[in-house]
C-alpha atoms as a PDB file:
ATOM      1  CA  MET A   1       0.149   0.221   0.099  1.00  0.00           C
ATOM      2  CA  ASN A   2       1.319   3.841  -1.004  1.00  0.00           C
ATOM      3  CA  GLN A   3       2.781   5.077   2.478  1.00  0.00           C
ATOM      4  CA  SER A   4       0.425   8.434   1.169  1.00  0.00           C
ATOM      5  CA  GLU A   5      -2.911   6.101   1.506  1.00  0.00           C
ATOM      6  CA  TYR A   6      -2.852   4.663   4.244  1.00  0.00           C
ATOM      7  CA  LYS A   7      -5.068   5.918   7.051  1.00  0.00           C
ATOM      8  CA  SER A   8      -4.345   4.643  10.832  1.00  0.00           C
ATOM      9  CA  PRO A   9      -7.146   3.302  12.274  1.00  0.00           C
ATOM     10  CA  GLY A  10      -7.404   6.633  14.668  1.00  0.00           C
ATOM     11  CA  LYS A  11      -7.487   8.603  10.950  1.00  0.00           C
ATOM     12  CA  GLN A  12     -10.180   6.377   9.952  1.00  0.00           C
ATOM     13  CA  CYS A  13     -12.011   6.412  12.724  1.00  0.00           C
ATOM     14  CA  THR A  14     -12.403  10.162  13.074  1.00  0.00           C
ATOM     15  CA  THR A  15     -13.038  10.181   8.880  1.00  0.00           C
ATOM     16  CA  ASN A  16     -16.126   7.485  10.120  1.00  0.00           C
ATOM     17  CA  LEU A  17     -17.468   9.917  12.930  1.00  0.00           C
ATOM     18  CA  GLN A  18     -17.637  12.808  10.770  1.00  0.00           C
ATOM     19  CA  LEU A  19     -19.889  10.876   8.317  1.00  0.00           C
ATOM     20  CA  HIS A  20     -21.713  10.636  10.675  1.00  0.00           C
ATOM     21  CA  SER A  21     -21.957  13.617  12.385  1.00  0.00           C
ATOM     22  CA  PRO A  22     -23.922  16.961  11.738  1.00  0.00           C
ATOM     23  CA  VAL A  23     -20.245  19.016  11.647  1.00  0.00           C
ATOM     24  CA  VAL A  24     -17.432  18.904   8.953  1.00  0.00           C
ATOM     25  CA  GLN A  25     -14.405  20.100   9.666  1.00  0.00           C
ATOM     26  CA  LEU A  26     -12.417  20.708   6.821  1.00  0.00           C
ATOM     27  CA  ASN A  27      -9.508  22.260   5.854  1.00  0.00           C
ATOM     28  CA  VAL A  28      -8.869  24.324   2.957  1.00  0.00           C
ATOM     29  CA  GLY A  29      -4.677  25.126   2.292  1.00  0.00           C
ATOM     30  CA  GLY A  30      -4.256  25.280   5.244  1.00  0.00           C
ATOM     31  CA  ARG A  31      -7.589  27.429   7.053  1.00  0.00           C
ATOM     32  CA  LEU A  32     -10.174  25.465   9.151  1.00  0.00           C
ATOM     33  CA  TYR A  33     -13.478  25.387   8.321  1.00  0.00           C
ATOM     34  CA  SER A  34     -16.391  23.691  10.159  1.00  0.00           C
ATOM     35  CA  THR A  35     -19.697  23.243   8.164  1.00  0.00           C
ATOM     36  CA  SER A  36     -22.520  20.880   7.770  1.00  0.00           C
ATOM     37  CA  LEU A  37     -22.051  18.299   5.329  1.00  0.00           C
ATOM     38  CA  GLY A  38     -26.223  19.421   4.104  1.00  0.00           C
ATOM     39  CA  THR A  39     -24.513  22.818   3.816  1.00  0.00           C
ATOM     40  CA  LEU A  40     -21.727  21.327   1.132  1.00  0.00           C
ATOM     41  CA  ARG A  41     -24.497  19.893  -0.881  1.00  0.00           C
ATOM     42  CA  ARG A  42     -26.553  22.450  -1.057  1.00  0.00           C
ATOM     43  CA  PHE A  43     -26.456  22.195  -4.475  1.00  0.00           C
ATOM     44  CA  PRO A  44     -26.222  19.049  -5.284  1.00  0.00           C
ATOM     45  CA  SER A  45     -24.656  19.597  -9.239  1.00  0.00           C
ATOM     46  CA  SER A  46     -21.948  21.167  -8.187  1.00  0.00           C
ATOM     47  CA  LYS A  47     -18.061  20.234  -7.726  1.00  0.00           C
ATOM     48  CA  LEU A  48     -18.685  20.843  -4.364  1.00  0.00           C
ATOM     49  CA  ALA A  49     -21.917  19.018  -3.352  1.00  0.00           C
ATOM     50  CA  GLU A  50     -20.090  16.175  -5.117  1.00  0.00           C
ATOM     51  CA  MET A  51     -16.501  15.427  -3.198  1.00  0.00           C
ATOM     52  CA  PHE A  52     -19.455  14.473  -0.197  1.00  0.00           C
ATOM     53  CA  ASN A  53     -21.445  12.841  -2.406  1.00  0.00           C
ATOM     54  CA  GLY A  54     -21.439   9.442  -0.193  1.00  0.00           C
ATOM     55  CA  GLN A  55     -17.963   8.393  -0.193  1.00  0.00           C
ATOM     56  CA  PRO A  56     -16.496  11.653   0.597  1.00  0.00           C
ATOM     57  CA  LYS A  57     -13.355  11.777  -2.348  1.00  0.00           C
ATOM     58  CA  LEU A  58     -10.973  13.323  -0.240  1.00  0.00           C
ATOM     59  CA  ARG A  59      -8.122  12.806   1.427  1.00  0.00           C
ATOM     60  CA  THR A  60      -7.953  13.632   5.213  1.00  0.00           C
ATOM     61  CA  ASP A  61      -4.962  15.625   7.174  1.00  0.00           C
ATOM     62  CA  ALA A  62      -2.712  14.804  10.411  1.00  0.00           C
ATOM     63  CA  GLU A  63      -6.349  15.126  12.496  1.00  0.00           C
ATOM     64  CA  GLY A  64      -8.752  13.632  10.616  1.00  0.00           C
ATOM     65  CA  ARG A  65     -10.328  16.591   8.827  1.00  0.00           C
ATOM     66  CA  TYR A  66     -10.944  16.443   4.740  1.00  0.00           C
ATOM     67  CA  PHE A  67      -8.426  18.178   2.881  1.00  0.00           C
ATOM     68  CA  ILE A  68      -9.185  19.845  -0.280  1.00  0.00           C
ATOM     69  CA  ASP A  69      -5.859  21.390  -2.164  1.00  0.00           C
ATOM     70  CA  ARG A  70      -6.731  25.107  -2.787  1.00  0.00           C
ATOM     71  CA  ASP A  71      -5.951  28.647  -1.072  1.00  0.00           C
ATOM     72  CA  GLY A  72      -8.786  28.740   1.040  1.00  0.00           C
ATOM     73  CA  THR A  73      -8.883  32.422   1.834  1.00  0.00           C
ATOM     74  CA  HIS A  74     -12.252  33.560  -0.138  1.00  0.00           C
ATOM     75  CA  PHE A  75     -14.024  29.567   0.995  1.00  0.00           C
ATOM     76  CA  ARG A  76     -15.956  31.482   4.137  1.00  0.00           C
ATOM     77  CA  HIS A  77     -17.974  33.271   1.384  1.00  0.00           C
ATOM     78  CA  VAL A  78     -18.716  30.503  -0.190  1.00  0.00           C
ATOM     79  CA  LEU A  79     -20.099  28.981   2.230  1.00  0.00           C
ATOM     80  CA  GLU A  80     -21.536  32.288   3.135  1.00  0.00           C
ATOM     81  CA  PHE A  81     -23.363  32.206   0.114  1.00  0.00           C
ATOM     82  CA  LEU A  82     -24.185  28.038   0.786  1.00  0.00           C
ATOM     83  CA  ARG A  83     -25.608  29.212   4.172  1.00  0.00           C
ATOM     84  CA  THR A  84     -27.937  32.262   3.671  1.00  0.00           C
ATOM     85  CA  GLN A  85     -27.682  32.869   0.062  1.00  0.00           C
ATOM     86  CA  ARG A  86     -25.751  35.929   0.776  1.00  0.00           C
ATOM     87  CA  LEU A  87     -23.816  37.821  -1.664  1.00  0.00           C
ATOM     88  CA  PRO A  88     -19.790  38.972  -0.621  1.00  0.00           C
ATOM     89  CA  THR A  89     -19.505  43.076  -0.759  1.00  0.00           C
ATOM     90  CA  GLU A  90     -15.096  42.200  -1.062  1.00  0.00           C
ATOM     91  CA  ASN A  91     -12.784  40.455  -3.054  1.00  0.00           C
ATOM     92  CA  VAL A  92     -15.896  39.604  -5.921  1.00  0.00           C
ATOM     93  CA  PRO A  93     -13.324  38.361  -8.970  1.00  0.00           C
ATOM     94  CA  GLU A  94     -11.798  36.034  -6.898  1.00  0.00           C
ATOM     95  CA  VAL A  95     -15.175  34.894  -4.959  1.00  0.00           C
ATOM     96  CA  TYR A  96     -15.771  34.389  -8.990  1.00  0.00           C
ATOM     97  CA  LYS A  97     -12.892  32.085  -9.345  1.00  0.00           C
ATOM     98  CA  GLU A  98     -14.075  29.704  -6.458  1.00  0.00           C
ATOM     99  CA  ALA A  99     -17.534  29.460  -7.512  1.00  0.00           C
ATOM    100  CA  LEU A 100     -16.259  28.268 -10.991  1.00  0.00           C
ATOM    101  CA  PHE A 101     -14.138  26.128  -9.678  1.00  0.00           C
ATOM    102  CA  TYR A 102     -16.541  24.772  -7.525  1.00  0.00           C
ATOM    103  CA  ASP A 103     -18.767  24.416  -9.877  1.00  0.00           C
ATOM    104  CA  ILE A 104     -21.771  26.590  -7.971  1.00  0.00           C
ATOM    105  CA  GLU A 105     -23.535  27.847 -10.686  1.00  0.00           C
ATOM    106  CA  PRO A 106     -26.082  30.184  -8.827  1.00  0.00           C
ATOM    107  CA  LEU A 107     -23.447  31.726  -6.790  1.00  0.00           C
ATOM    108  CA  ALA A 108     -21.750  32.316 -10.296  1.00  0.00           C
ATOM    109  CA  LYS A 109     -24.447  33.725 -12.386  1.00  0.00           C
ATOM    110  CA  GLN A 110     -25.244  35.875  -9.779  1.00  0.00           C
ATOM    111  CA  LEU A 111     -22.085  37.746  -9.025  1.00  0.00           C
ATOM    112  CA  GLU A 112     -21.773  38.019 -12.822  1.00  0.00           C
ATOM    113  CA  ASP A 113     -24.795  40.383 -12.356  1.00  0.00           C
ATOM    114  CA  SER A 114     -22.198  42.433 -10.019  1.00  0.00           C
ATOM    115  CA  PRO A 115     -20.802  45.389 -11.464  1.00  0.00           C
ATOM    116  CA  GLN A 116     -16.995  43.634 -11.612  1.00  0.00           C
ATOM    117  CA  ILE A 117     -17.875  40.660 -12.954  1.00  0.00           C
ATOM    118  CA  PHE A 118     -20.273  42.012 -15.682  1.00  0.00           C
ATOM    119  CA  GLY A 119     -17.618  44.375 -16.963  1.00  0.00           C
ATOM    120  CA  GLU A 120     -15.134  41.725 -17.252  1.00  0.00           C
ATOM    121  CA  VAL A 121     -17.055  39.021 -18.070  1.00  0.00           C
ATOM    122  CA  VAL A 122     -19.814  40.877 -20.609  1.00  0.00           C
ATOM    123  CA  GLY A 123     -17.224  44.110 -21.919  1.00  0.00           C
ATOM    124  CA  ARG A 124     -13.919  42.816 -21.955  1.00  0.00           C
ATOM    125  CA  GLN A 125     -13.623  39.353 -22.210  1.00  0.00           C
ATOM    126  CA  GLN A 126     -16.355  39.670 -25.026  1.00  0.00           C
ATOM    127  CA  PHE A 127     -14.481  41.941 -26.747  1.00  0.00           C
ATOM    128  CA  LEU A 128     -10.998  40.360 -26.435  1.00  0.00           C
ATOM    129  CA  ALA A 129     -11.889  37.082 -28.168  1.00  0.00           C
ATOM    130  CA  ARG A 130     -12.623  38.953 -30.619  1.00  0.00           C
ATOM    131  CA  VAL A 131      -9.368  40.083 -31.453  1.00  0.00           C
ATOM    132  CA  PRO A 132      -7.276  37.113 -32.674  1.00  0.00           C
ATOM    133  CA  ASN A 133      -4.880  35.383 -30.712  1.00  0.00           C
ATOM    134  CA  TYR A 134      -4.299  38.387 -28.212  1.00  0.00           C
ATOM    135  CA  ARG A 135      -3.456  35.555 -25.486  1.00  0.00           C
ATOM    136  CA  GLU A 136      -1.082  33.704 -27.456  1.00  0.00           C
ATOM    137  CA  ASN A 137       0.682  37.647 -28.313  1.00  0.00           C
ATOM    138  CA  LEU A 138       0.458  38.028 -24.465  1.00  0.00           C
ATOM    139  CA  GLU A 139       2.558  35.383 -24.436  1.00  0.00           C
ATOM    140  CA  VAL A 140       5.734  36.757 -26.908  1.00  0.00           C
ATOM    141  CA  ILE A 141       5.360  39.865 -26.371  1.00  0.00           C
ATOM    142  CA  ILE A 142       7.032  38.078 -22.313  1.00  0.00           C
ATOM    143  CA  ARG A 143       9.003  35.644 -23.670  1.00  0.00           C
ATOM    144  CA  ILE A 144      10.286  38.984 -26.275  1.00  0.00           C
ATOM    145  CA  ALA A 145      11.035  41.013 -22.950  1.00  0.00           C
ATOM    146  CA  ARG A 146      12.699  38.614 -21.360  1.00  0.00           C
ATOM    147  CA  ALA A 147      15.673  37.614 -23.455  1.00  0.00           C
ATOM    148  CA  GLU A 148      15.788  41.371 -24.106  1.00  0.00           C
ATOM    149  CA  ALA A 149      16.117  41.766 -20.262  1.00  0.00           C
ATOM    150  CA  MET A 150      20.233  40.631 -19.668  1.00  0.00           C
ATOM    151  CA  ALA A 151      22.169  42.981 -17.792  1.00  0.00           C
ATOM    152  CA  ALA A 152      19.134  45.446 -18.285  1.00  0.00           C
ATOM    153  CA  ARG A 153      16.762  47.751 -16.341  1.00  0.00           C
ATOM    154  CA  HIS A 154      14.317  48.292 -18.928  1.00  0.00           C
ATOM    155  CA  SER A 155      13.382  45.990 -22.348  1.00  0.00           C
ATOM    156  CA  SER A 156      11.121  46.868 -24.592  1.00  0.00           C
ATOM    157  CA  VAL A 157       8.969  45.216 -27.339  1.00  0.00           C
ATOM    158  CA  ILE A 158       6.969  46.866 -30.201  1.00  0.00           C
ATOM    159  CA  VAL A 159       3.956  46.647 -31.048  1.00  0.00           C
ATOM    160  CA  SER A 160       1.753  47.838 -34.053  1.00  0.00           C
ATOM    161  CA  VAL A 161      -2.215  47.964 -33.254  1.00  0.00           C
ATOM    162  CA  LEU A 162      -4.602  47.466 -36.106  1.00  0.00           C
ATOM    163  CA  ARG A 163      -7.717  48.561 -35.396  1.00  0.00           C
ATOM    164  CA  THR A 164      -9.659  47.673 -39.470  1.00  0.00           C
ATOM    165  CA  GLU A 165      -9.639  46.734 -42.165  1.00  0.00           C
ATOM    166  CA  GLU A 166      -8.336  49.348 -43.728  1.00  0.00           C
ATOM    167  CA  ASP A 167      -5.426  49.912 -41.429  1.00  0.00           C
ATOM    168  CA  SER A 168      -4.792  45.612 -42.145  1.00  0.00           C
ATOM    169  CA  ALA A 169      -4.128  46.660 -45.832  1.00  0.00           C
ATOM    170  CA  ARG A 170      -1.886  50.221 -45.641  1.00  0.00           C
ATOM    171  CA  TYR A 171       0.299  47.770 -42.499  1.00  0.00           C
ATOM    172  CA  ASN A 172       2.577  46.710 -44.812  1.00  0.00           C
ATOM    173  CA  ASP A 173       4.476  49.796 -45.887  1.00  0.00           C
ATOM    174  CA  ALA A 174       4.436  51.358 -42.633  1.00  0.00           C
ATOM    175  CA  ILE A 175       6.115  48.004 -41.221  1.00  0.00           C
ATOM    176  CA  ASN A 176       8.514  48.631 -44.394  1.00  0.00           C
ATOM    177  CA  SER A 177       9.582  52.254 -42.565  1.00  0.00           C
ATOM    178  CA  LEU A 178       9.908  50.963 -39.229  1.00  0.00           C
ATOM    179  CA  ASP A 179      13.216  51.891 -37.117  1.00  0.00           C
ATOM    180  CA  ALA A 180      13.211  48.882 -35.589  1.00  0.00           C
ATOM    181  CA  ASP A 181      13.171  45.054 -36.042  1.00  0.00           C
ATOM    182  CA  LYS A 182      10.548  43.608 -38.032  1.00  0.00           C
ATOM    183  CA  GLU A 183      10.532  40.205 -36.992  1.00  0.00           C
ATOM    184  CA  SER A 184      10.019  41.554 -33.263  1.00  0.00           C
ATOM    185  CA  VAL A 185       7.089  43.551 -33.805  1.00  0.00           C
ATOM    186  CA  VAL A 186       3.498  41.814 -32.695  1.00  0.00           C
ATOM    187  CA  ARG A 187       0.389  42.771 -34.531  1.00  0.00           C
ATOM    188  CA  PHE A 188      -3.254  42.548 -32.767  1.00  0.00           C
ATOM    189  CA  GLY A 189      -6.182  43.199 -35.139  1.00  0.00           C
ATOM    190  CA  PRO A 190      -8.022  43.683 -36.115  1.00  0.00           C
ATOM    191  CA  TRP A 191     -11.623  42.769 -34.781  1.00  0.00           C
ATOM    192  CA  LYS A 192     -15.221  43.831 -35.060  1.00  0.00           C
ATOM    193  CA  ALA A 193     -16.105  46.173 -31.799  1.00  0.00           C
ATOM    194  CA  SER A 194     -15.875  48.911 -30.793  1.00  0.00           C
ATOM    195  CA  PRO A 195     -13.856  49.375 -28.331  1.00  0.00           C
ATOM    196  CA  THR A 196     -10.738  51.344 -29.549  1.00  0.00           C
ATOM    197  CA  ALA A 197      -6.877  50.650 -30.264  1.00  0.00           C
ATOM    198  CA  MET A 198      -6.195  52.257 -26.736  1.00  0.00           C
ATOM    199  CA  ASP A 199      -8.382  50.151 -25.161  1.00  0.00           C
ATOM    200  CA  LEU A 200      -6.956  47.328 -26.223  1.00  0.00           C
ATOM    201  CA  LEU A 201      -4.286  48.324 -25.422  1.00  0.00           C
ATOM    202  CA  ASP A 202      -5.205  49.391 -21.743  1.00  0.00           C
ATOM    203  CA  CYS A 203      -5.802  45.767 -21.972  1.00  0.00           C
ATOM    204  CA  VAL A 204      -2.510  44.340 -22.708  1.00  0.00           C
ATOM    205  CA  LYS A 205      -1.212  46.363 -19.586  1.00  0.00           C
ATOM    206  CA  MET A 206      -3.757  45.035 -17.360  1.00  0.00           C
ATOM    207  CA  ASP A 207      -2.732  41.386 -18.478  1.00  0.00           C
ATOM    208  CA  ILE A 208       0.660  41.497 -18.228  1.00  0.00           C
ATOM    209  CA  GLU A 209       0.386  43.160 -14.927  1.00  0.00           C
ATOM    210  CA  ALA A 210      -1.583  40.554 -12.933  1.00  0.00           C
ATOM    211  CA  LYS A 211       1.382  38.157 -14.192  1.00  0.00           C
ATOM    212  CA  GLY A 212       3.443  40.348 -12.121  1.00  0.00           C
ATOM    213  CA  TYR A 213       5.038  42.143 -14.385  1.00  0.00           C
ATOM    214  CA  LYS A 214       5.871  46.015 -14.550  1.00  0.00           C
ATOM    215  CA  ILE A 215       4.922  47.335 -17.481  1.00  0.00           C
ATOM    216  CA  SER A 216       4.497  50.945 -19.473  1.00  0.00           C
ATOM    217  CA  TYR A 217       3.451  51.687 -22.908  1.00  0.00           C
ATOM    218  CA  GLN A 218       3.158  55.105 -24.923  1.00  0.00           C
ATOM    219  CA  GLN A 219       4.095  56.174 -28.761  1.00  0.00           C
ATOM    220  CA  HIS A 220       6.350  54.468 -31.127  1.00  0.00           C
ATOM    221  CA  VAL A 221       8.177  57.373 -32.019  1.00  0.00           C
ATOM    222  CA  ALA A 222      10.053  56.960 -34.994  1.00  0.00           C
ATOM    223  CA  ASP A 223      13.313  58.468 -36.485  1.00  0.00           C
ATOM    224  CA  LYS A 224      13.021  61.863 -38.364  1.00  0.00           C
ATOM    225  CA  GLY A 225      13.178  60.085 -42.418  1.00  0.00           C
ATOM    226  CA  PHE A 226      10.465  58.817 -40.692  1.00  0.00           C
ATOM    227  CA  ARG A 227       8.008  59.927 -43.273  1.00  0.00           C
ATOM    228  CA  PHE A 228       3.993  58.376 -42.867  1.00  0.00           C
ATOM    229  CA  LYS A 229       2.578  60.377 -39.918  1.00  0.00           C
ATOM    230  CA  SER A 230      -0.635  59.374 -40.582  1.00  0.00           C
ATOM    231  CA  TYR A 231       0.727  55.264 -39.782  1.00  0.00           C
ATOM    232  CA  ASP A 232      -0.478  55.458 -35.964  1.00  0.00           C
ATOM    233  CA  PHE A 233      -0.052  52.525 -35.738  1.00  0.00           C
ATOM    234  CA  PHE A 234       3.071  51.494 -33.671  1.00  0.00           C
ATOM    235  CA  TYR A 235       3.818  51.299 -29.412  1.00  0.00           C
ATOM    236  CA  LYS A 236       6.119  50.617 -27.501  1.00  0.00           C
ATOM    237  CA  PHE A 237       5.547  48.688 -24.457  1.00  0.00           C
ATOM    238  CA  ILE A 238       8.339  48.649 -22.026  1.00  0.00           C
ATOM    239  CA  PHE A 239       9.215  46.388 -19.008  1.00  0.00           C
ATOM    240  CA  THR A 240      10.535  47.770 -15.761  1.00  0.00           C
ATOM    241  CA  TRP A 241      13.414  44.822 -13.960  1.00  0.00           C
ATOM    242  CA  TRP A 242      14.319  46.566 -11.052  1.00  0.00           C
END
């Protein structure tokens, strides 16, 4: 028997007592909670209810508490909703992630109507879904920036933002006059949605900052020989490393 799967008689006894007790002890990523099986099974189709449906499918810690290997910081808000149907007034995006993880559909649906989640899910994410290769381009930007970070405080990446099909048609003329490595320019667009090029740039900055990077952006200023002033497609993202 694998040692990690072994349960001592005392530990097995504690687990069995939990099954027949109205109170269930939980260890969620090191945070301890007490609740009831009825609360955990409030929504039978949820992943959380499934964890405790019939013989619980979770391992236990050294004290016999059911262990969920996930950050338990915001689990208290999940329990509060299961007990009272009360929605959180703080840390709403984080609680929304927990609702999705535990597949508690009523909680997720109600949080999606909150201003914090509605704007992100219905507005920003729906827009970004219409920008070709958006997520892939974020990874390319980060990869280029990291490659240029050796012995430097800053590194920069040039991106082009093509809002419309007309912009895209003019792109080749513009890129041929660019005073930068053309192969390393990261291209966004075109897209069919109302947000502007600046809206897209703000999204790129927001999503890269969410990964822990310190970043800013500005219009790319070309050399004096660059005479195509109408080609304002190019921007520079600047990473600060220290």
